[in-house]
Amino acid sequence: MTQIVLASASPARLALLRSAGIDPKVIVSGVDEEAVTADTPAALCLTLARAKAAVVARDLDGALVIGCDSMLELDGRAYGKPSSAEDAVARWRSMRGRSGRLLTGHCVIDTSTGREVSEVAATTVRFGTPSDDEIAAYVESGEPLKVAGAFTLDGLGGWFVDGIDGDHGNVLGISLPLLRRLFAALDVTVPSLWQRP
C-alpha cells in the first residue's frame, strides 16, 4: 500500500483525513510561511502548499505527499493566523456581518513518479455579528490564534459563522472532493487508500 504523508501540523486536517478512512503519517515541512509572497491570496495559498509538499517529498520514496495551506481572503487581502490577540479582535470586528473566502491550496506529489498536481479550493464564509464581548471571549479562548482567518467552523468559532457556500471540509483545512480529483490525476483511487479493519 502507498504511504500517505500529510505535510502539515494541522490537527483539523489530520482528523478529517482519518474520519475519511486515510491515516497519514505527519511530517511538518518547516517552511517559513512569512518568507513566501505572491500576487494574489489564491496564488499565495498554492505556492505555500506546493512548497510544503516539496520539502517533505524530497526525502521520501513510494509516498503520496499532501501539502496544504489555508487563509481567509477579505477585501482582496490574505489573512493567515493572527499575530496576536489584538490582531484577532481587530479581524473579528472587521469580519462580522460580512463574507470572505476561505482558500486552501492543495498539492499532492507522488514521490514514486515525481508527478505533482495542485489546485486551490474556495469556500465563501458568511460571518455572524458577535458582540464585542463575544469576540473578546472567543479570542480569550485562544482558538482563533491557532487558525487561518482567526476562526474555526468545527469549534467555538462555529457559533459566529452564519453559513458557508461551498465545501465544508475546505473550511476545516482540506477539501476531500478536490483531493480525490488530484489523486485521480495521479492515477490513484481513493478506495485504494482507505485503511481496512
N, C-alpha and C. Protein backbone atom coordinates (compact mmCIF):
# COMPACT_ATOMS: atom_id res chain seq x y z
N MET A 1 0.83 -1.18 0.00
CA MET A 1 0.00 0.00 0.00
C MET A 1 0.88 1.25 0.00
N THR A 2 0.46 2.25 -0.74
CA THR A 2 1.18 3.51 -0.82
C THR A 2 1.13 4.25 0.51
N GLN A 3 2.25 4.78 0.92
CA GLN A 3 2.28 5.57 2.15
C GLN A 3 1.72 6.96 1.85
N ILE A 4 0.81 7.43 2.71
CA ILE A 4 0.27 8.77 2.60
C ILE A 4 0.95 9.63 3.66
N VAL A 5 1.43 10.79 3.25
CA VAL A 5 2.11 11.69 4.17
C VAL A 5 1.42 13.05 4.12
N LEU A 6 1.07 13.56 5.27
CA LEU A 6 0.49 14.89 5.38
C LEU A 6 1.58 15.86 5.83
N ALA A 7 1.90 16.81 4.96
CA ALA A 7 2.96 17.79 5.26
C ALA A 7 2.34 18.99 5.98
N SER A 8 1.74 18.72 7.12
CA SER A 8 1.02 19.75 7.86
C SER A 8 0.91 19.38 9.32
N ALA A 9 0.96 20.39 10.18
CA ALA A 9 0.78 20.16 11.62
C ALA A 9 -0.67 20.35 12.04
N SER A 10 -1.56 20.59 11.09
CA SER A 10 -2.96 20.90 11.40
C SER A 10 -3.71 19.70 11.97
N PRO A 11 -4.17 19.79 13.22
CA PRO A 11 -4.97 18.70 13.79
C PRO A 11 -6.29 18.51 13.04
N ALA A 12 -6.86 19.61 12.53
CA ALA A 12 -8.13 19.50 11.81
C ALA A 12 -7.97 18.74 10.50
N ARG A 13 -6.88 19.00 9.77
CA ARG A 13 -6.65 18.26 8.52
C ARG A 13 -6.45 16.77 8.81
N LEU A 14 -5.66 16.48 9.81
CA LEU A 14 -5.40 15.09 10.17
C LEU A 14 -6.70 14.40 10.58
N ALA A 15 -7.50 15.04 11.40
CA ALA A 15 -8.77 14.45 11.85
C ALA A 15 -9.71 14.21 10.69
N LEU A 16 -9.78 15.15 9.75
CA LEU A 16 -10.67 14.99 8.61
C LEU A 16 -10.22 13.83 7.73
N LEU A 17 -8.93 13.72 7.47
CA LEU A 17 -8.44 12.59 6.67
C LEU A 17 -8.71 11.26 7.38
N ARG A 18 -8.47 11.21 8.67
CA ARG A 18 -8.72 9.97 9.42
C ARG A 18 -10.20 9.60 9.39
N SER A 19 -11.07 10.59 9.53
CA SER A 19 -12.51 10.29 9.50
C SER A 19 -12.95 9.82 8.12
N ALA A 20 -12.16 10.14 7.10
CA ALA A 20 -12.46 9.73 5.73
C ALA A 20 -11.71 8.47 5.32
N GLY A 21 -11.12 7.76 6.29
CA GLY A 21 -10.52 6.46 6.01
C GLY A 21 -9.05 6.45 5.68
N ILE A 22 -8.39 7.59 5.77
CA ILE A 22 -6.96 7.66 5.46
C ILE A 22 -6.21 8.08 6.73
N ASP A 23 -5.20 7.32 7.09
CA ASP A 23 -4.42 7.62 8.30
C ASP A 23 -2.99 7.95 7.89
N PRO A 24 -2.74 9.22 7.55
CA PRO A 24 -1.42 9.58 7.04
C PRO A 24 -0.36 9.69 8.12
N LYS A 25 0.87 9.54 7.69
CA LYS A 25 2.00 9.89 8.54
C LYS A 25 2.12 11.41 8.46
N VAL A 26 2.39 12.06 9.57
CA VAL A 26 2.53 13.52 9.58
C VAL A 26 4.01 13.89 9.63
N ILE A 27 4.43 14.69 8.67
CA ILE A 27 5.78 15.25 8.65
C ILE A 27 5.63 16.75 8.39
N VAL A 28 5.96 17.55 9.36
CA VAL A 28 5.83 19.00 9.22
C VAL A 28 7.00 19.53 8.40
N SER A 29 6.69 20.38 7.43
CA SER A 29 7.70 20.84 6.47
C SER A 29 8.70 21.84 7.03
N GLY A 30 8.27 22.68 7.93
CA GLY A 30 9.15 23.73 8.43
C GLY A 30 9.32 24.90 7.49
N VAL A 31 8.49 25.00 6.45
CA VAL A 31 8.57 26.11 5.51
C VAL A 31 8.29 27.42 6.24
N ASP A 32 9.11 28.43 5.97
CA ASP A 32 8.92 29.76 6.55
C ASP A 32 7.83 30.48 5.75
N GLU A 33 6.61 30.44 6.25
CA GLU A 33 5.48 30.99 5.52
C GLU A 33 5.60 32.50 5.32
N GLU A 34 6.23 33.18 6.25
CA GLU A 34 6.37 34.64 6.15
C GLU A 34 7.30 35.05 5.02
N ALA A 35 8.18 34.15 4.60
CA ALA A 35 9.15 34.47 3.55
C ALA A 35 8.58 34.31 2.14
N VAL A 36 7.37 33.76 2.03
CA VAL A 36 6.77 33.48 0.72
C VAL A 36 5.80 34.60 0.36
N THR A 37 5.90 35.07 -0.88
CA THR A 37 4.98 36.10 -1.37
C THR A 37 4.38 35.66 -2.70
N ALA A 38 3.25 36.27 -3.03
CA ALA A 38 2.59 36.00 -4.31
C ALA A 38 1.68 37.18 -4.62
N ASP A 39 1.22 37.25 -5.87
CA ASP A 39 0.40 38.38 -6.31
C ASP A 39 -1.02 38.38 -5.77
N THR A 40 -1.57 37.19 -5.52
CA THR A 40 -2.95 37.10 -5.05
C THR A 40 -3.02 36.14 -3.87
N PRO A 41 -4.07 36.24 -3.05
CA PRO A 41 -4.23 35.28 -1.96
C PRO A 41 -4.27 33.83 -2.45
N ALA A 42 -4.96 33.58 -3.56
CA ALA A 42 -5.04 32.20 -4.09
C ALA A 42 -3.66 31.70 -4.51
N ALA A 43 -2.90 32.57 -5.17
CA ALA A 43 -1.55 32.17 -5.59
C ALA A 43 -0.65 31.93 -4.38
N LEU A 44 -0.83 32.71 -3.32
CA LEU A 44 -0.04 32.52 -2.11
C LEU A 44 -0.34 31.17 -1.46
N CYS A 45 -1.63 30.84 -1.35
CA CYS A 45 -2.01 29.53 -0.79
C CYS A 45 -1.40 28.39 -1.58
N LEU A 46 -1.49 28.49 -2.90
CA LEU A 46 -0.98 27.42 -3.75
C LEU A 46 0.54 27.32 -3.67
N THR A 47 1.22 28.45 -3.67
CA THR A 47 2.68 28.46 -3.56
C THR A 47 3.13 27.81 -2.25
N LEU A 48 2.46 28.15 -1.15
CA LEU A 48 2.81 27.57 0.15
C LEU A 48 2.51 26.07 0.20
N ALA A 49 1.38 25.66 -0.35
CA ALA A 49 1.04 24.23 -0.36
C ALA A 49 2.08 23.44 -1.15
N ARG A 50 2.48 23.98 -2.30
CA ARG A 50 3.48 23.31 -3.12
C ARG A 50 4.84 23.25 -2.42
N ALA A 51 5.21 24.35 -1.76
CA ALA A 51 6.50 24.38 -1.06
C ALA A 51 6.52 23.37 0.08
N LYS A 52 5.44 23.30 0.85
CA LYS A 52 5.38 22.35 1.97
C LYS A 52 5.48 20.91 1.48
N ALA A 53 4.73 20.59 0.42
CA ALA A 53 4.77 19.23 -0.11
C ALA A 53 6.15 18.90 -0.66
N ALA A 54 6.76 19.85 -1.36
CA ALA A 54 8.07 19.60 -1.98
C ALA A 54 9.16 19.35 -0.94
N VAL A 55 9.16 20.14 0.13
CA VAL A 55 10.17 19.96 1.18
C VAL A 55 10.08 18.57 1.79
N VAL A 56 8.87 18.11 2.07
CA VAL A 56 8.69 16.79 2.68
C VAL A 56 8.96 15.68 1.67
N ALA A 57 8.53 15.86 0.42
CA ALA A 57 8.65 14.82 -0.60
C ALA A 57 10.09 14.50 -0.97
N ARG A 58 10.97 15.46 -0.86
CA ARG A 58 12.34 15.24 -1.35
C ARG A 58 13.08 14.14 -0.61
N ASP A 59 12.65 13.79 0.59
CA ASP A 59 13.33 12.75 1.37
C ASP A 59 12.56 11.43 1.42
N LEU A 60 11.53 11.28 0.60
CA LEU A 60 10.68 10.08 0.67
C LEU A 60 10.63 9.35 -0.66
N ASP A 61 10.49 8.03 -0.57
CA ASP A 61 10.25 7.20 -1.75
C ASP A 61 8.93 6.47 -1.56
N GLY A 62 8.19 6.29 -2.64
CA GLY A 62 6.96 5.50 -2.59
C GLY A 62 5.86 6.10 -1.75
N ALA A 63 5.74 7.43 -1.77
CA ALA A 63 4.73 8.08 -0.94
C ALA A 63 3.92 9.08 -1.77
N LEU A 64 2.71 9.32 -1.31
CA LEU A 64 1.91 10.43 -1.79
C LEU A 64 1.96 11.49 -0.70
N VAL A 65 2.51 12.64 -1.03
CA VAL A 65 2.68 13.71 -0.05
C VAL A 65 1.63 14.79 -0.31
N ILE A 66 0.89 15.13 0.73
CA ILE A 66 -0.16 16.14 0.64
C ILE A 66 0.31 17.40 1.37
N GLY A 67 0.38 18.50 0.65
CA GLY A 67 0.68 19.79 1.25
C GLY A 67 -0.52 20.70 1.12
N CYS A 68 -0.83 21.44 2.16
CA CYS A 68 -1.97 22.36 2.15
C CYS A 68 -1.60 23.66 2.85
N ASP A 69 -2.29 24.72 2.45
CA ASP A 69 -2.19 25.97 3.17
C ASP A 69 -3.50 26.72 3.01
N SER A 70 -4.01 27.25 4.12
CA SER A 70 -5.29 27.95 4.12
C SER A 70 -5.13 29.39 4.58
N MET A 71 -5.99 30.24 4.04
CA MET A 71 -6.08 31.62 4.53
C MET A 71 -7.43 32.19 4.13
N LEU A 72 -7.81 33.24 4.81
CA LEU A 72 -9.06 33.93 4.52
C LEU A 72 -8.77 35.11 3.61
N GLU A 73 -9.54 35.21 2.54
CA GLU A 73 -9.44 36.38 1.66
C GLU A 73 -10.61 37.30 1.97
N LEU A 74 -10.29 38.53 2.35
CA LEU A 74 -11.30 39.54 2.66
C LEU A 74 -10.82 40.85 2.06
N ASP A 75 -11.66 41.45 1.23
CA ASP A 75 -11.30 42.70 0.55
C ASP A 75 -10.01 42.55 -0.26
N GLY A 76 -9.80 41.37 -0.85
CA GLY A 76 -8.63 41.15 -1.69
C GLY A 76 -7.34 40.91 -0.95
N ARG A 77 -7.39 40.89 0.38
CA ARG A 77 -6.19 40.64 1.19
C ARG A 77 -6.23 39.24 1.78
N ALA A 78 -5.05 38.69 2.00
CA ALA A 78 -4.93 37.34 2.58
C ALA A 78 -4.67 37.45 4.07
N TYR A 79 -5.42 36.67 4.84
CA TYR A 79 -5.26 36.63 6.29
C TYR A 79 -4.99 35.20 6.74
N GLY A 80 -3.80 34.97 7.26
CA GLY A 80 -3.47 33.67 7.83
C GLY A 80 -3.81 33.68 9.31
N LYS A 81 -2.96 33.08 10.11
CA LYS A 81 -3.17 33.10 11.56
C LYS A 81 -2.90 34.51 12.09
N PRO A 82 -3.70 34.97 13.04
CA PRO A 82 -3.44 36.29 13.61
C PRO A 82 -2.12 36.30 14.38
N SER A 83 -1.47 37.45 14.40
CA SER A 83 -0.17 37.56 15.06
C SER A 83 -0.29 37.77 16.56
N SER A 84 -1.46 38.18 17.03
CA SER A 84 -1.65 38.46 18.46
C SER A 84 -3.15 38.46 18.77
N ALA A 85 -3.47 38.51 20.05
CA ALA A 85 -4.87 38.60 20.46
C ALA A 85 -5.50 39.89 19.94
N GLU A 86 -4.75 40.96 19.97
CA GLU A 86 -5.26 42.24 19.47
C GLU A 86 -5.58 42.16 17.98
N ASP A 87 -4.72 41.49 17.23
CA ASP A 87 -4.94 41.29 15.80
C ASP A 87 -6.21 40.47 15.57
N ALA A 88 -6.41 39.42 16.37
CA ALA A 88 -7.61 38.59 16.23
C ALA A 88 -8.87 39.38 16.52
N VAL A 89 -8.85 40.22 17.55
CA VAL A 89 -10.01 41.06 17.87
C VAL A 89 -10.31 42.01 16.71
N ALA A 90 -9.27 42.65 16.19
CA ALA A 90 -9.45 43.59 15.08
C ALA A 90 -10.01 42.88 13.85
N ARG A 91 -9.53 41.69 13.57
CA ARG A 91 -10.04 40.93 12.42
C ARG A 91 -11.51 40.62 12.59
N TRP A 92 -11.87 40.12 13.77
CA TRP A 92 -13.27 39.76 14.00
C TRP A 92 -14.18 40.98 13.89
N ARG A 93 -13.72 42.11 14.36
CA ARG A 93 -14.53 43.33 14.23
C ARG A 93 -14.72 43.70 12.76
N SER A 94 -13.70 43.46 11.94
CA SER A 94 -13.82 43.78 10.51
C SER A 94 -14.59 42.71 9.74
N MET A 95 -14.60 41.47 10.23
CA MET A 95 -15.28 40.37 9.53
C MET A 95 -16.77 40.29 9.86
N ARG A 96 -17.16 40.71 11.05
CA ARG A 96 -18.53 40.47 11.49
C ARG A 96 -19.54 41.10 10.54
N GLY A 97 -20.56 40.28 10.25
CA GLY A 97 -21.62 40.71 9.34
C GLY A 97 -21.24 40.71 7.88
N ARG A 98 -20.06 40.20 7.55
CA ARG A 98 -19.57 40.21 6.17
C ARG A 98 -19.29 38.79 5.69
N SER A 99 -18.89 38.69 4.44
CA SER A 99 -18.49 37.41 3.86
C SER A 99 -17.05 37.50 3.38
N GLY A 100 -16.35 36.38 3.50
CA GLY A 100 -15.00 36.26 2.98
C GLY A 100 -14.86 34.91 2.30
N ARG A 101 -13.73 34.69 1.67
CA ARG A 101 -13.48 33.40 1.02
C ARG A 101 -12.35 32.69 1.74
N LEU A 102 -12.64 31.47 2.20
CA LEU A 102 -11.59 30.64 2.80
C LEU A 102 -10.94 29.88 1.65
N LEU A 103 -9.67 30.12 1.45
CA LEU A 103 -8.90 29.50 0.36
C LEU A 103 -7.97 28.45 0.95
N THR A 104 -7.91 27.30 0.30
CA THR A 104 -6.93 26.29 0.69
C THR A 104 -6.22 25.80 -0.56
N GLY A 105 -4.91 26.02 -0.58
CA GLY A 105 -4.09 25.45 -1.63
C GLY A 105 -3.81 24.00 -1.30
N HIS A 106 -3.94 23.13 -2.29
CA HIS A 106 -3.69 21.70 -2.13
C HIS A 106 -2.63 21.28 -3.14
N CYS A 107 -1.68 20.49 -2.71
CA CYS A 107 -0.67 19.93 -3.61
C CYS A 107 -0.43 18.48 -3.23
N VAL A 108 -0.40 17.61 -4.22
CA VAL A 108 -0.07 16.20 -3.99
C VAL A 108 1.11 15.85 -4.89
N ILE A 109 2.13 15.27 -4.28
CA ILE A 109 3.30 14.81 -5.02
C ILE A 109 3.42 13.30 -4.85
N ASP A 110 3.54 12.60 -5.97
CA ASP A 110 3.79 11.16 -5.97
C ASP A 110 5.31 10.99 -6.06
N THR A 111 5.93 10.60 -4.96
CA THR A 111 7.39 10.51 -4.95
C THR A 111 7.91 9.34 -5.78
N SER A 112 7.04 8.39 -6.12
CA SER A 112 7.46 7.27 -6.98
C SER A 112 7.70 7.72 -8.41
N THR A 113 6.90 8.69 -8.86
CA THR A 113 6.97 9.13 -10.25
C THR A 113 7.49 10.56 -10.40
N GLY A 114 7.46 11.31 -9.30
CA GLY A 114 7.84 12.72 -9.36
C GLY A 114 6.73 13.63 -9.85
N ARG A 115 5.57 13.04 -10.15
CA ARG A 115 4.45 13.85 -10.64
C ARG A 115 3.85 14.67 -9.50
N GLU A 116 3.41 15.88 -9.86
CA GLU A 116 2.83 16.81 -8.89
C GLU A 116 1.56 17.42 -9.49
N VAL A 117 0.52 17.51 -8.68
CA VAL A 117 -0.71 18.18 -9.08
C VAL A 117 -1.12 19.12 -7.95
N SER A 118 -1.73 20.24 -8.34
CA SER A 118 -2.12 21.20 -7.31
C SER A 118 -3.28 22.06 -7.79
N GLU A 119 -4.03 22.56 -6.81
CA GLU A 119 -5.18 23.41 -7.12
C GLU A 119 -5.63 24.09 -5.82
N VAL A 120 -6.41 25.16 -5.97
CA VAL A 120 -6.95 25.88 -4.83
C VAL A 120 -8.45 25.65 -4.74
N ALA A 121 -8.94 25.40 -3.54
CA ALA A 121 -10.38 25.32 -3.28
C ALA A 121 -10.80 26.60 -2.56
N ALA A 122 -12.00 27.09 -2.88
CA ALA A 122 -12.50 28.32 -2.26
C ALA A 122 -13.92 28.09 -1.74
N THR A 123 -14.17 28.52 -0.53
CA THR A 123 -15.48 28.42 0.10
C THR A 123 -15.84 29.78 0.69
N THR A 124 -17.02 30.27 0.36
CA THR A 124 -17.48 31.54 0.92
C THR A 124 -17.98 31.31 2.34
N VAL A 125 -17.53 32.14 3.26
CA VAL A 125 -17.92 32.06 4.67
C VAL A 125 -18.69 33.33 5.01
N ARG A 126 -19.92 33.15 5.52
CA ARG A 126 -20.75 34.28 5.94
C ARG A 126 -20.66 34.40 7.46
N PHE A 127 -20.02 35.46 7.91
CA PHE A 127 -19.81 35.65 9.35
C PHE A 127 -21.02 36.27 10.01
N GLY A 128 -21.27 35.83 11.24
CA GLY A 128 -22.35 36.40 12.04
C GLY A 128 -21.96 37.75 12.59
N THR A 129 -22.73 38.20 13.57
CA THR A 129 -22.48 39.52 14.15
C THR A 129 -22.27 39.40 15.66
N PRO A 130 -21.19 38.76 16.06
CA PRO A 130 -20.93 38.65 17.50
C PRO A 130 -20.69 40.02 18.12
N SER A 131 -21.10 40.16 19.37
CA SER A 131 -20.86 41.40 20.10
C SER A 131 -19.37 41.53 20.43
N ASP A 132 -18.98 42.72 20.84
CA ASP A 132 -17.59 42.92 21.25
C ASP A 132 -17.22 41.99 22.41
N ASP A 133 -18.17 41.78 23.34
CA ASP A 133 -17.91 40.87 24.46
C ASP A 133 -17.73 39.44 23.99
N GLU A 134 -18.54 39.02 23.01
CA GLU A 134 -18.40 37.66 22.47
C GLU A 134 -17.06 37.50 21.74
N ILE A 135 -16.68 38.52 20.99
CA ILE A 135 -15.38 38.48 20.30
C ILE A 135 -14.26 38.37 21.32
N ALA A 136 -14.32 39.18 22.36
CA ALA A 136 -13.27 39.16 23.40
C ALA A 136 -13.19 37.79 24.05
N ALA A 137 -14.34 37.19 24.36
CA ALA A 137 -14.36 35.86 24.99
C ALA A 137 -13.80 34.81 24.04
N TYR A 138 -14.15 34.91 22.77
CA TYR A 138 -13.65 33.94 21.79
C TYR A 138 -12.13 34.05 21.66
N VAL A 139 -11.63 35.26 21.54
CA VAL A 139 -10.18 35.44 21.42
C VAL A 139 -9.48 34.98 22.70
N GLU A 140 -10.09 35.24 23.84
CA GLU A 140 -9.52 34.81 25.12
C GLU A 140 -9.40 33.28 25.20
N SER A 141 -10.26 32.56 24.48
CA SER A 141 -10.19 31.09 24.48
C SER A 141 -8.89 30.60 23.84
N GLY A 142 -8.27 31.43 23.02
CA GLY A 142 -7.04 31.06 22.33
C GLY A 142 -7.27 30.40 20.98
N GLU A 143 -8.47 29.91 20.73
CA GLU A 143 -8.72 29.17 19.49
C GLU A 143 -8.42 29.98 18.22
N PRO A 144 -8.87 31.23 18.11
CA PRO A 144 -8.63 31.93 16.85
C PRO A 144 -7.17 32.27 16.57
N LEU A 145 -6.33 32.14 17.58
CA LEU A 145 -4.91 32.44 17.38
C LEU A 145 -4.16 31.31 16.69
N LYS A 146 -4.80 30.15 16.59
CA LYS A 146 -4.14 28.95 16.06
C LYS A 146 -4.53 28.62 14.63
N VAL A 147 -5.46 29.42 14.05
CA VAL A 147 -6.04 29.02 12.76
C VAL A 147 -6.08 30.17 11.76
N ALA A 148 -6.00 29.80 10.48
CA ALA A 148 -6.09 30.78 9.40
C ALA A 148 -7.43 31.49 9.46
N GLY A 149 -7.40 32.80 9.28
CA GLY A 149 -8.63 33.57 9.28
C GLY A 149 -9.16 33.90 10.66
N ALA A 150 -8.55 33.37 11.70
CA ALA A 150 -8.93 33.62 13.10
C ALA A 150 -10.28 33.02 13.47
N PHE A 151 -10.68 31.94 12.78
CA PHE A 151 -11.94 31.29 13.15
C PHE A 151 -11.89 29.81 12.80
N THR A 152 -12.74 29.05 13.48
CA THR A 152 -12.95 27.65 13.13
C THR A 152 -14.43 27.46 12.85
N LEU A 153 -14.73 26.46 12.09
CA LEU A 153 -16.12 26.10 11.83
C LEU A 153 -16.56 24.98 12.76
N ASP A 154 -15.60 24.17 13.17
CA ASP A 154 -15.91 22.97 13.95
C ASP A 154 -15.59 23.13 15.44
N GLY A 155 -15.34 24.34 15.87
CA GLY A 155 -15.03 24.59 17.28
C GLY A 155 -15.87 25.73 17.80
N LEU A 156 -15.30 26.49 18.70
CA LEU A 156 -16.02 27.61 19.30
C LEU A 156 -16.43 28.66 18.27
N GLY A 157 -15.62 28.83 17.24
CA GLY A 157 -15.93 29.82 16.21
C GLY A 157 -17.18 29.53 15.42
N GLY A 158 -17.61 28.27 15.42
CA GLY A 158 -18.83 27.90 14.70
C GLY A 158 -20.06 28.67 15.16
N TRP A 159 -20.05 29.14 16.40
CA TRP A 159 -21.17 29.94 16.91
C TRP A 159 -21.31 31.26 16.17
N PHE A 160 -20.24 31.72 15.53
CA PHE A 160 -20.22 33.05 14.94
C PHE A 160 -20.15 33.02 13.41
N VAL A 161 -20.42 31.86 12.83
CA VAL A 161 -20.47 31.72 11.37
C VAL A 161 -21.91 31.41 11.00
N ASP A 162 -22.53 32.30 10.21
CA ASP A 162 -23.93 32.11 9.84
C ASP A 162 -24.11 31.04 8.77
N GLY A 163 -23.11 30.82 7.94
CA GLY A 163 -23.23 29.80 6.91
C GLY A 163 -22.03 29.82 5.98
N ILE A 164 -22.00 28.83 5.11
CA ILE A 164 -20.95 28.75 4.10
C ILE A 164 -21.58 28.40 2.76
N ASP A 165 -20.91 28.75 1.70
CA ASP A 165 -21.29 28.35 0.35
C ASP A 165 -20.09 27.62 -0.23
N GLY A 166 -20.19 26.30 -0.30
CA GLY A 166 -19.09 25.51 -0.81
C GLY A 166 -18.76 24.35 0.11
N ASP A 167 -17.55 23.88 -0.01
CA ASP A 167 -17.10 22.67 0.68
C ASP A 167 -16.77 22.93 2.15
N HIS A 168 -17.49 22.26 3.02
CA HIS A 168 -17.30 22.35 4.47
C HIS A 168 -15.87 21.94 4.86
N GLY A 169 -15.38 20.83 4.29
CA GLY A 169 -14.04 20.35 4.60
C GLY A 169 -12.96 21.36 4.26
N ASN A 170 -13.17 22.11 3.19
CA ASN A 170 -12.19 23.12 2.81
C ASN A 170 -12.01 24.15 3.92
N VAL A 171 -13.11 24.51 4.59
CA VAL A 171 -13.02 25.48 5.69
C VAL A 171 -12.25 24.88 6.86
N LEU A 172 -12.32 23.56 7.01
CA LEU A 172 -11.57 22.88 8.06
C LEU A 172 -10.09 22.72 7.70
N GLY A 173 -9.77 22.90 6.41
CA GLY A 173 -8.37 22.86 6.01
C GLY A 173 -8.01 21.92 4.89
N ILE A 174 -8.97 21.08 4.46
CA ILE A 174 -8.67 20.18 3.34
C ILE A 174 -9.97 19.78 2.65
N SER A 175 -10.01 19.94 1.34
CA SER A 175 -11.20 19.60 0.56
C SER A 175 -11.09 18.16 0.07
N LEU A 176 -11.92 17.29 0.61
CA LEU A 176 -11.87 15.89 0.18
C LEU A 176 -12.25 15.73 -1.29
N PRO A 177 -13.29 16.43 -1.81
CA PRO A 177 -13.58 16.28 -3.24
C PRO A 177 -12.42 16.73 -4.13
N LEU A 178 -11.78 17.84 -3.79
CA LEU A 178 -10.63 18.28 -4.58
C LEU A 178 -9.48 17.30 -4.44
N LEU A 179 -9.23 16.82 -3.24
CA LEU A 179 -8.14 15.86 -3.03
C LEU A 179 -8.38 14.59 -3.85
N ARG A 180 -9.63 14.14 -3.92
CA ARG A 180 -9.96 12.96 -4.73
C ARG A 180 -9.61 13.21 -6.20
N ARG A 181 -9.95 14.40 -6.70
CA ARG A 181 -9.63 14.72 -8.10
C ARG A 181 -8.12 14.79 -8.33
N LEU A 182 -7.39 15.32 -7.36
CA LEU A 182 -5.93 15.37 -7.50
C LEU A 182 -5.33 13.97 -7.49
N PHE A 183 -5.83 13.11 -6.59
CA PHE A 183 -5.37 11.72 -6.59
C PHE A 183 -5.67 11.06 -7.94
N ALA A 184 -6.88 11.29 -8.48
CA ALA A 184 -7.27 10.69 -9.76
C ALA A 184 -6.33 11.14 -10.88
N ALA A 185 -5.89 12.39 -10.83
CA ALA A 185 -4.96 12.89 -11.85
C ALA A 185 -3.61 12.17 -11.77
N LEU A 186 -3.33 11.57 -10.62
CA LEU A 186 -2.10 10.78 -10.44
C LEU A 186 -2.38 9.28 -10.58
N ASP A 187 -3.57 8.94 -11.08
CA ASP A 187 -3.99 7.55 -11.28
C ASP A 187 -4.09 6.78 -9.97
N VAL A 188 -4.53 7.45 -8.93
CA VAL A 188 -4.73 6.83 -7.62
C VAL A 188 -6.21 6.95 -7.26
N THR A 189 -6.82 5.84 -6.87
CA THR A 189 -8.22 5.88 -6.44
C THR A 189 -8.29 6.00 -4.92
N VAL A 190 -9.26 6.75 -4.45
CA VAL A 190 -9.41 6.94 -3.00
C VAL A 190 -9.63 5.62 -2.27
N PRO A 191 -10.51 4.72 -2.77
CA PRO A 191 -10.70 3.46 -2.02
C PRO A 191 -9.41 2.65 -1.83
N SER A 192 -8.46 2.80 -2.75
CA SER A 192 -7.19 2.06 -2.59
C SER A 192 -6.37 2.59 -1.41
N LEU A 193 -6.74 3.76 -0.90
CA LEU A 193 -6.00 4.38 0.21
C LEU A 193 -6.68 4.18 1.56
N TRP A 194 -7.93 3.73 1.55
CA TRP A 194 -8.66 3.57 2.80
C TRP A 194 -8.00 2.53 3.69
N GLN A 195 -7.99 2.82 4.98
CA GLN A 195 -7.50 1.88 5.98
C GLN A 195 -8.56 0.81 6.19
N ARG A 196 -8.20 -0.42 6.06
CA ARG A 196 -9.16 -1.52 6.25
C ARG A 196 -9.00 -2.08 7.66
N PRO A 197 -10.12 -2.43 8.31
CA PRO A 197 -10.03 -3.01 9.67
C PRO A 197 -9.38 -4.37 9.67
